[in-house]
Every structure is written in structure tokens, then in C-alpha cells.
Amino acid sequence: MWSGTVGGPLRLRSGALVDVGSASFSVPGVVVCRYRGDGLLTAHQDFWDLATVLDQAGVPVG
């Protein structure tokens, strides 16, 4: 679970900004990491559902 409070407007894929104030959210997600042979983290990518965050922030989705 990833949770927190939005600190400002969210930018959608369209480029539009959605002001959600200081809305709190809790959304399931996955983090994919890549490590070198010596254990050093070389890359990571986060996957989570923006629609869930927007719904919890009270922004109409759909």
C-alpha cells in the first residue's frame, strides 16, 4: 500500500492539472527494481492506479 497526502495539483496524461487540495490517499501498487551484481539499486519504477487516487480525492473519474 502506498499512502500519503497530495501536496499540490496532479498533472494528468492529457497535461491538464487537477487541483485536489491536500487530499489523503491509500492505493495499492507495485515497485519494480533492478540491481547490479554488487547489490546497488540501478533503476526502479512505480505502478499504481491514478483513478483510485482521484476517486479518494473526490475528483469525478469517467
Protein backbone atom coordinates (compact mmCIF):
# COMPACT_ATOMS: atom_id res chain seq x y z
CA MET A 1 0.00 0.00 0.00
CA TRP A 2 1.16 3.50 -0.81
CA SER A 3 -0.45 6.30 1.17
CA GLY A 4 0.07 9.97 1.72
CA THR A 5 -1.34 13.43 1.22
CA VAL A 6 -1.34 15.22 -2.12
CA GLY A 7 0.75 18.38 -1.82
CA GLY A 8 -0.50 20.17 -4.92
CA PRO A 9 -2.25 19.72 -8.25
CA LEU A 10 -1.90 16.44 -10.14
CA ARG A 11 -0.94 16.51 -13.83
CA LEU A 12 -2.97 14.07 -15.93
CA ARG A 13 -1.66 12.37 -19.08
CA SER A 14 -3.54 14.94 -21.13
CA GLY A 15 -1.46 17.64 -19.49
CA ALA A 16 -4.44 19.02 -17.57
CA LEU A 17 -3.91 19.93 -13.92
CA VAL A 18 -6.43 18.70 -11.35
CA ASP A 19 -6.42 20.56 -8.02
CA VAL A 20 -7.16 18.03 -5.29
CA GLY A 21 -6.17 20.29 -2.41
CA SER A 22 -4.49 18.34 0.35
CA ALA A 23 -6.43 15.11 -0.13
CA SER A 24 -5.22 11.92 1.58
CA PHE A 25 -4.99 8.67 -0.35
CA SER A 26 -4.17 4.99 0.11
CA VAL A 27 -3.66 2.93 -3.05
CA PRO A 28 -2.18 -0.50 -3.74
CA GLY A 29 0.83 -0.54 -6.01
CA VAL A 30 3.90 -2.39 -7.16
CA VAL A 31 7.53 -1.27 -7.34
CA VAL A 32 9.87 -2.97 -9.81
CA CYS A 33 13.59 -2.63 -9.03
CA ARG A 34 16.77 -3.52 -10.89
CA TYR A 35 20.02 -4.21 -9.05
CA ARG A 36 23.62 -4.69 -10.13
CA GLY A 37 25.54 -7.80 -9.18
CA ASP A 38 27.01 -5.98 -6.16
CA GLY A 39 23.50 -5.15 -4.86
CA LEU A 40 23.43 -1.47 -5.87
CA LEU A 41 19.98 -0.30 -6.96
CA THR A 42 20.22 0.93 -10.57
CA ALA A 43 16.57 1.55 -11.51
CA HIS A 44 13.07 1.48 -10.09
CA GLN A 45 9.59 2.04 -11.46
CA ASP A 46 6.33 2.54 -9.53
CA PHE A 47 2.94 1.29 -10.73
CA TRP A 48 -0.29 2.48 -9.10
CA ASP A 49 -3.80 3.47 -10.18
CA LEU A 50 -4.32 7.23 -10.58
CA ALA A 51 -8.10 6.72 -10.87
CA THR A 52 -8.14 5.34 -7.30
CA VAL A 53 -6.22 8.37 -6.00
CA LEU A 54 -8.56 10.77 -7.85
CA ASP A 55 -11.63 8.94 -6.54
CA GLN A 56 -10.39 9.19 -2.96
CA ALA A 57 -9.64 12.88 -3.52
CA GLY A 58 -13.25 13.48 -4.63
CA VAL A 59 -12.42 14.13 -8.30
CA PRO A 60 -15.03 12.67 -10.70
CA VAL A 61 -13.50 9.90 -12.82
CA GLY A 62 -15.08 8.83 -16.05
